[in-house]
Amino acid sequence: MSPMKIADDATRMPAGMSNPDDETQKLGQRIRDLRLKAGMTLSDLAKGTGVSIGTLSQLERGLVSPTVRTVYTVANALGVMPAWLIDPSQSPIQTSESRYIVRAGQRSRLLDIDGIRKDIASPSASERLRGFFMVIQPGCNSGSQPYSHKGEEIGFLLSGSLELQIDGETFSLNEGDCFAFSSDKPHHFANLGSRAASVFWVNADI
């Protein structure tokens, strides 16, 4: 995949969508429907996401498509999984084992946007902790600006290298390094290396 180039909080469509125009409009309509159902104004959603009213309005009208940061923050503010905004037909297969175990080949895809893949790695029995397997392609990042949300997070770099910015400080991570921080601190990540970086990333709802 080519590196993600971001000029604002919304640019290209997620990988895998066959008709960008149709899919952009459908995604925008889902955002609008959820916002109205929640009784939120565009101003309310902007305050809850850090995304400008103008960008949100363009998203809802299908004029622009979101970055990974925008999908994640908008979905979180609207109380749905980011994957649902992209493809509401996704329905994970439930088995007696799946409550406690997620096999390597059974992870659900949460995001696959502009060189960043994020799969759910934790089973449903974990309510406050959510584990993700992430792959960040060279030259790709979490968006044009740092973002924040509630909770705490911890991660382990499985391969490659990663630049992690936390509350204005920048750290260079390599294979085997571990990190942790409070999610309410503005944070941002980028793969400045020449090969893909893979991370086991855990978010805690504290």
C-alpha atoms as a PDB file:
ATOM      1  CA  MET A   1       0.000   0.000   0.000  1.00  0.00           C
ATOM      2  CA  SER A   2       1.182   3.546  -0.665  1.00  0.00           C
ATOM      3  CA  PRO A   3       1.848   5.877   2.279  1.00  0.00           C
ATOM      4  CA  MET A   4      -1.117   7.795   3.673  1.00  0.00           C
ATOM      5  CA  LYS A   5      -1.021  11.465   2.790  1.00  0.00           C
ATOM      6  CA  ILE A   6      -3.368  13.574   4.902  1.00  0.00           C
ATOM      7  CA  ALA A   7      -4.194  17.201   4.344  1.00  0.00           C
ATOM      8  CA  ASP A   8      -7.168  17.282   6.745  1.00  0.00           C
ATOM      9  CA  ASP A   9      -9.346  15.002   8.870  1.00  0.00           C
ATOM     10  CA  ALA A  10     -10.948  13.439   5.800  1.00  0.00           C
ATOM     11  CA  THR A  11      -9.446  12.213   2.550  1.00  0.00           C
ATOM     12  CA  ARG A  12      -9.662   8.840   0.843  1.00  0.00           C
ATOM     13  CA  MET A  13     -12.011   5.904   1.234  1.00  0.00           C
ATOM     14  CA  PRO A  14     -11.059   2.756   3.179  1.00  0.00           C
ATOM     15  CA  ALA A  15      -9.326   0.045   1.157  1.00  0.00           C
ATOM     16  CA  GLY A  16     -11.654  -2.547  -0.297  1.00  0.00           C
ATOM     17  CA  MET A  17     -14.617  -0.283  -1.088  1.00  0.00           C
ATOM     18  CA  SER A  18     -15.557  -0.854  -4.712  1.00  0.00           C
ATOM     19  CA  ASN A  19     -17.398   2.376  -5.530  1.00  0.00           C
ATOM     20  CA  PRO A  20     -15.965   5.325  -3.601  1.00  0.00           C
ATOM     21  CA  ASP A  21     -18.831   7.698  -4.443  1.00  0.00           C
ATOM     22  CA  ASP A  22     -21.615   5.321  -3.393  1.00  0.00           C
ATOM     23  CA  GLU A  23     -19.762   4.072  -0.313  1.00  0.00           C
ATOM     24  CA  THR A  24     -18.832   7.585   0.786  1.00  0.00           C
ATOM     25  CA  GLN A  25     -22.468   8.626   0.638  1.00  0.00           C
ATOM     26  CA  LYS A  26     -23.650   5.513   2.492  1.00  0.00           C
ATOM     27  CA  LEU A  27     -21.079   6.002   5.239  1.00  0.00           C
ATOM     28  CA  GLY A  28     -22.058   9.664   5.547  1.00  0.00           C
ATOM     29  CA  GLN A  29     -25.726   8.742   5.804  1.00  0.00           C
ATOM     30  CA  ARG A  30     -24.973   6.228   8.568  1.00  0.00           C
ATOM     31  CA  ILE A  31     -23.114   8.901  10.526  1.00  0.00           C
ATOM     32  CA  ARG A  32     -25.989  11.355  10.100  1.00  0.00           C
ATOM     33  CA  ASP A  33     -28.647   8.787  11.050  1.00  0.00           C
ATOM     34  CA  LEU A  34     -26.744   7.791  14.202  1.00  0.00           C
ATOM     35  CA  ARG A  35     -26.151  11.410  15.164  1.00  0.00           C
ATOM     36  CA  LEU A  36     -29.823  12.318  14.805  1.00  0.00           C
ATOM     37  CA  LYS A  37     -30.904   9.167  16.645  1.00  0.00           C
ATOM     38  CA  ALA A  38     -28.632  10.190  19.530  1.00  0.00           C
ATOM     39  CA  GLY A  39     -30.180  13.671  19.525  1.00  0.00           C
ATOM     40  CA  MET A  40     -26.826  15.288  18.736  1.00  0.00           C
ATOM     41  CA  THR A  41     -26.182  18.390  16.672  1.00  0.00           C
ATOM     42  CA  LEU A  42     -23.154  18.736  14.434  1.00  0.00           C
ATOM     43  CA  SER A  43     -21.734  21.016  17.105  1.00  0.00           C
ATOM     44  CA  ASP A  44     -22.204  18.302  19.745  1.00  0.00           C
ATOM     45  CA  LEU A  45     -20.434  15.736  17.580  1.00  0.00           C
ATOM     46  CA  ALA A  46     -17.627  18.164  16.796  1.00  0.00           C
ATOM     47  CA  LYS A  47     -17.036  18.764  20.507  1.00  0.00           C
ATOM     48  CA  GLY A  48     -17.041  15.023  21.189  1.00  0.00           C
ATOM     49  CA  THR A  49     -14.604  14.150  18.412  1.00  0.00           C
ATOM     50  CA  GLY A  50     -12.356  17.141  17.865  1.00  0.00           C
ATOM     51  CA  VAL A  51     -13.343  17.055  14.179  1.00  0.00           C
ATOM     52  CA  SER A  52     -14.513  20.380  12.785  1.00  0.00           C
ATOM     53  CA  ILE A  53     -18.191  21.029  12.068  1.00  0.00           C
ATOM     54  CA  GLY A  54     -17.323  21.726   8.442  1.00  0.00           C
ATOM     55  CA  THR A  55     -15.544  18.374   8.007  1.00  0.00           C
ATOM     56  CA  LEU A  56     -18.383  16.491   9.726  1.00  0.00           C
ATOM     57  CA  SER A  57     -20.933  18.205   7.502  1.00  0.00           C
ATOM     58  CA  GLN A  58     -18.953  17.213   4.404  1.00  0.00           C
ATOM     59  CA  LEU A  59     -18.665  13.629   5.703  1.00  0.00           C
ATOM     60  CA  GLU A  60     -22.411  13.348   6.249  1.00  0.00           C
ATOM     61  CA  ARG A  61     -23.099  14.656   2.740  1.00  0.00           C
ATOM     62  CA  GLY A  62     -20.627  12.192   1.215  1.00  0.00           C
ATOM     63  CA  LEU A  63     -18.361  14.917  -0.131  1.00  0.00           C
ATOM     64  CA  VAL A  64     -15.208  13.639   1.583  1.00  0.00           C
ATOM     65  CA  SER A  65     -14.090  10.324   3.067  1.00  0.00           C
ATOM     66  CA  PRO A  66     -12.571   9.785   6.533  1.00  0.00           C
ATOM     67  CA  THR A  67      -9.116   8.984   7.817  1.00  0.00           C
ATOM     68  CA  VAL A  68      -8.585   6.261  10.415  1.00  0.00           C
ATOM     69  CA  ARG A  69      -8.555   8.894  13.173  1.00  0.00           C
ATOM     70  CA  THR A  70     -11.908  10.304  12.061  1.00  0.00           C
ATOM     71  CA  VAL A  71     -13.599   6.885  11.768  1.00  0.00           C
ATOM     72  CA  TYR A  72     -12.370   5.868  15.223  1.00  0.00           C
ATOM     73  CA  THR A  73     -13.325   9.091  17.012  1.00  0.00           C
ATOM     74  CA  VAL A  74     -16.714   9.509  15.310  1.00  0.00           C
ATOM     75  CA  ALA A  75     -17.674   5.877  15.957  1.00  0.00           C
ATOM     76  CA  ASN A  76     -16.604   6.191  19.586  1.00  0.00           C
ATOM     77  CA  ALA A  77     -18.684   9.356  20.037  1.00  0.00           C
ATOM     78  CA  LEU A  78     -21.723   7.695  18.449  1.00  0.00           C
ATOM     79  CA  GLY A  79     -21.345   4.503  20.486  1.00  0.00           C
ATOM     80  CA  VAL A  80     -20.727   2.035  17.643  1.00  0.00           C
ATOM     81  CA  MET A  81     -17.782  -0.045  16.451  1.00  0.00           C
ATOM     82  CA  PRO A  82     -15.692   1.689  13.764  1.00  0.00           C
ATOM     83  CA  ALA A  83     -16.117  -1.403  11.574  1.00  0.00           C
ATOM     84  CA  TRP A  84     -19.891  -0.928  11.646  1.00  0.00           C
ATOM     85  CA  LEU A  85     -19.592   2.556  10.153  1.00  0.00           C
ATOM     86  CA  ILE A  86     -17.535   1.121   7.300  1.00  0.00           C
ATOM     87  CA  ASP A  87     -19.538  -2.082   6.769  1.00  0.00           C
ATOM     88  CA  PRO A  88     -22.672  -2.662   8.933  1.00  0.00           C
ATOM     89  CA  SER A  89     -23.133  -6.126   7.394  1.00  0.00           C
ATOM     90  CA  GLN A  90     -20.146  -7.411   9.384  1.00  0.00           C
ATOM     91  CA  SER A  91     -21.348  -9.961  11.940  1.00  0.00           C
ATOM     92  CA  PRO A  92     -18.742 -11.923  13.917  1.00  0.00           C
ATOM     93  CA  ILE A  93     -19.370 -15.671  14.196  1.00  0.00           C
ATOM     94  CA  GLN A  94     -20.186 -16.627  17.786  1.00  0.00           C
ATOM     95  CA  THR A  95     -19.249 -20.030  19.200  1.00  0.00           C
ATOM     96  CA  SER A  96     -18.978 -21.399  22.742  1.00  0.00           C
ATOM     97  CA  GLU A  97     -15.201 -21.000  22.498  1.00  0.00           C
ATOM     98  CA  SER A  98     -15.253 -17.460  21.121  1.00  0.00           C
ATOM     99  CA  ARG A  99     -16.263 -15.935  24.442  1.00  0.00           C
ATOM    100  CA  TYR A 100     -12.845 -16.837  25.843  1.00  0.00           C
ATOM    101  CA  ILE A 101     -10.605 -17.542  22.841  1.00  0.00           C
ATOM    102  CA  VAL A 102      -9.824 -15.717  19.585  1.00  0.00           C
ATOM    103  CA  ARG A 103      -7.804 -17.909  17.234  1.00  0.00           C
ATOM    104  CA  ALA A 104      -5.213 -16.327  14.950  1.00  0.00           C
ATOM    105  CA  GLY A 105      -7.371 -16.872  11.875  1.00  0.00           C
ATOM    106  CA  GLN A 106     -10.604 -15.694  13.503  1.00  0.00           C
ATOM    107  CA  ARG A 107      -9.799 -12.085  14.377  1.00  0.00           C
ATOM    108  CA  SER A 108     -12.465  -9.603  13.259  1.00  0.00           C
ATOM    109  CA  ARG A 109     -11.298  -6.735  11.081  1.00  0.00           C
ATOM    110  CA  LEU A 110     -12.007  -3.423  12.802  1.00  0.00           C
ATOM    111  CA  LEU A 111     -10.301  -1.058  10.380  1.00  0.00           C
ATOM    112  CA  ASP A 112      -8.378  -1.291   7.127  1.00  0.00           C
ATOM    113  CA  ILE A 113      -7.764   2.267   6.002  1.00  0.00           C
ATOM    114  CA  ASP A 114      -4.866   3.856   4.143  1.00  0.00           C
ATOM    115  CA  GLY A 115      -2.196   1.402   5.188  1.00  0.00           C
ATOM    116  CA  ILE A 116      -3.398   0.811   8.761  1.00  0.00           C
ATOM    117  CA  ARG A 117      -5.031  -2.510   9.634  1.00  0.00           C
ATOM    118  CA  LYS A 118      -6.574  -3.062  13.056  1.00  0.00           C
ATOM    119  CA  ASP A 119      -8.006  -6.457  14.042  1.00  0.00           C
ATOM    120  CA  ILE A 120      -9.816  -7.298  17.283  1.00  0.00           C
ATOM    121  CA  ALA A 121      -7.584  -9.774  19.126  1.00  0.00           C
ATOM    122  CA  SER A 122      -9.417 -10.069  22.456  1.00  0.00           C
ATOM    123  CA  PRO A 123     -12.472 -12.282  23.155  1.00  0.00           C
ATOM    124  CA  SER A 124     -15.833 -10.957  24.342  1.00  0.00           C
ATOM    125  CA  ALA A 125     -15.269 -12.128  27.937  1.00  0.00           C
ATOM    126  CA  SER A 126     -12.989  -9.119  28.391  1.00  0.00           C
ATOM    127  CA  GLU A 127     -15.327  -6.182  28.923  1.00  0.00           C
ATOM    128  CA  ARG A 128     -12.950  -3.464  30.139  1.00  0.00           C
ATOM    129  CA  LEU A 129      -9.844  -4.509  28.190  1.00  0.00           C
ATOM    130  CA  ARG A 130      -9.748  -4.683  24.398  1.00  0.00           C
ATOM    131  CA  GLY A 131      -6.749  -6.078  22.585  1.00  0.00           C
ATOM    132  CA  PHE A 132      -5.935  -5.295  18.959  1.00  0.00           C
ATOM    133  CA  PHE A 133      -3.454  -6.631  16.432  1.00  0.00           C
ATOM    134  CA  MET A 134      -2.328  -3.711  14.302  1.00  0.00           C
ATOM    135  CA  VAL A 135      -0.216  -3.502  11.157  1.00  0.00           C
ATOM    136  CA  ILE A 136       0.988  -0.048  10.093  1.00  0.00           C
ATOM    137  CA  GLN A 137       2.531   0.186   6.638  1.00  0.00           C
ATOM    138  CA  PRO A 138       5.665   2.332   5.994  1.00  0.00           C
ATOM    139  CA  GLY A 139       4.877   6.045   5.744  1.00  0.00           C
ATOM    140  CA  CYS A 140       1.440   5.713   7.354  1.00  0.00           C
ATOM    141  CA  ASN A 141       0.134   7.332  10.521  1.00  0.00           C
ATOM    142  CA  SER A 142      -2.909   7.899  12.716  1.00  0.00           C
ATOM    143  CA  GLY A 143      -3.857  11.220  11.138  1.00  0.00           C
ATOM    144  CA  SER A 144      -2.815  14.823  10.747  1.00  0.00           C
ATOM    145  CA  GLN A 145      -3.333  15.693  14.420  1.00  0.00           C
ATOM    146  CA  PRO A 146      -2.971  13.908  17.788  1.00  0.00           C
ATOM    147  CA  TYR A 147      -6.217  12.677  19.338  1.00  0.00           C
ATOM    148  CA  SER A 148      -7.404  11.682  22.821  1.00  0.00           C
ATOM    149  CA  HIS A 149     -10.224   9.751  24.486  1.00  0.00           C
ATOM    150  CA  LYS A 150     -11.006   8.176  27.846  1.00  0.00           C
ATOM    151  CA  GLY A 151      -9.183   5.142  29.250  1.00  0.00           C
ATOM    152  CA  GLU A 152      -5.637   3.815  29.309  1.00  0.00           C
ATOM    153  CA  GLU A 153      -3.585   1.896  26.778  1.00  0.00           C
ATOM    154  CA  ILE A 154      -0.561  -0.329  26.591  1.00  0.00           C
ATOM    155  CA  GLY A 155       1.201  -1.820  23.598  1.00  0.00           C
ATOM    156  CA  PHE A 156       4.022  -4.146  22.570  1.00  0.00           C
ATOM    157  CA  LEU A 157       5.850  -3.674  19.297  1.00  0.00           C
ATOM    158  CA  LEU A 158       6.046  -7.108  17.678  1.00  0.00           C
ATOM    159  CA  SER A 159       8.044  -6.076  14.617  1.00  0.00           C
ATOM    160  CA  GLY A 160       9.303  -3.020  12.783  1.00  0.00           C
ATOM    161  CA  SER A 161       9.615   0.447  14.275  1.00  0.00           C
ATOM    162  CA  LEU A 162       7.146   3.114  15.339  1.00  0.00           C
ATOM    163  CA  GLU A 163       7.236   6.778  16.297  1.00  0.00           C
ATOM    164  CA  LEU A 164       4.844   7.473  19.168  1.00  0.00           C
ATOM    165  CA  GLN A 165       3.906  10.960  20.295  1.00  0.00           C
ATOM    166  CA  ILE A 166       2.354  11.315  23.777  1.00  0.00           C
ATOM    167  CA  ASP A 167       1.321  14.700  25.132  1.00  0.00           C
ATOM    168  CA  GLY A 168       3.845  16.532  22.973  1.00  0.00           C
ATOM    169  CA  GLU A 169       6.775  14.161  23.604  1.00  0.00           C
ATOM    170  CA  THR A 170       8.044  11.964  20.762  1.00  0.00           C
ATOM    171  CA  PHE A 171       9.469   8.469  21.279  1.00  0.00           C
ATOM    172  CA  SER A 172      11.091   6.052  18.819  1.00  0.00           C
ATOM    173  CA  LEU A 173      10.104   2.418  19.419  1.00  0.00           C
ATOM    174  CA  ASN A 174      11.695  -0.735  18.033  1.00  0.00           C
ATOM    175  CA  GLU A 175      10.832  -4.423  18.041  1.00  0.00           C
ATOM    176  CA  GLY A 176      10.359  -5.691  21.604  1.00  0.00           C
ATOM    177  CA  ASP A 177       9.631  -2.261  23.127  1.00  0.00           C
ATOM    178  CA  CYS A 178       6.525  -1.723  25.262  1.00  0.00           C
ATOM    179  CA  PHE A 179       4.609   1.490  25.922  1.00  0.00           C
ATOM    180  CA  ALA A 180       1.734   2.655  28.141  1.00  0.00           C
ATOM    181  CA  PHE A 181      -0.084   5.952  28.691  1.00  0.00           C
ATOM    182  CA  SER A 182      -3.380   7.506  29.732  1.00  0.00           C
ATOM    183  CA  SER A 183      -5.633   7.836  26.685  1.00  0.00           C
ATOM    184  CA  ASP A 184      -6.725  11.357  27.646  1.00  0.00           C
ATOM    185  CA  LYS A 185      -3.243  12.572  26.714  1.00  0.00           C
ATOM    186  CA  PRO A 186      -3.127  13.668  23.053  1.00  0.00           C
ATOM    187  CA  HIS A 187      -1.339  10.934  21.126  1.00  0.00           C
ATOM    188  CA  HIS A 188      -0.259  10.117  17.591  1.00  0.00           C
ATOM    189  CA  PHE A 189       1.665   7.314  15.918  1.00  0.00           C
ATOM    190  CA  ALA A 190       3.561   6.984  12.652  1.00  0.00           C
ATOM    191  CA  ASN A 191       5.629   4.342  10.898  1.00  0.00           C
ATOM    192  CA  LEU A 192       8.675   6.162   9.547  1.00  0.00           C
ATOM    193  CA  GLY A 193      10.550   2.940   8.835  1.00  0.00           C
ATOM    194  CA  SER A 194      11.018   1.005   5.602  1.00  0.00           C
ATOM    195  CA  ARG A 195       8.929  -2.037   6.588  1.00  0.00           C
ATOM    196  CA  ALA A 196       5.547  -2.687   8.161  1.00  0.00           C
ATOM    197  CA  ALA A 197       5.229  -2.366  11.936  1.00  0.00           C
ATOM    198  CA  SER A 198       3.036  -4.796  13.861  1.00  0.00           C
ATOM    199  CA  VAL A 199       1.747  -3.984  17.346  1.00  0.00           C
ATOM    200  CA  PHE A 200      -0.314  -5.712  20.010  1.00  0.00           C
ATOM    201  CA  TRP A 201      -2.280  -2.752  21.386  1.00  0.00           C
ATOM    202  CA  VAL A 202      -4.612  -2.859  24.396  1.00  0.00           C
ATOM    203  CA  ASN A 203      -7.201  -0.222  25.311  1.00  0.00           C
ATOM    204  CA  ALA A 204      -8.630  -0.196  28.842  1.00  0.00           C
ATOM    205  CA  ASP A 205     -11.997   1.394  29.560  1.00  0.00           C
ATOM    206  CA  ILE A 206     -11.186   2.960  32.945  1.00  0.00           C
END
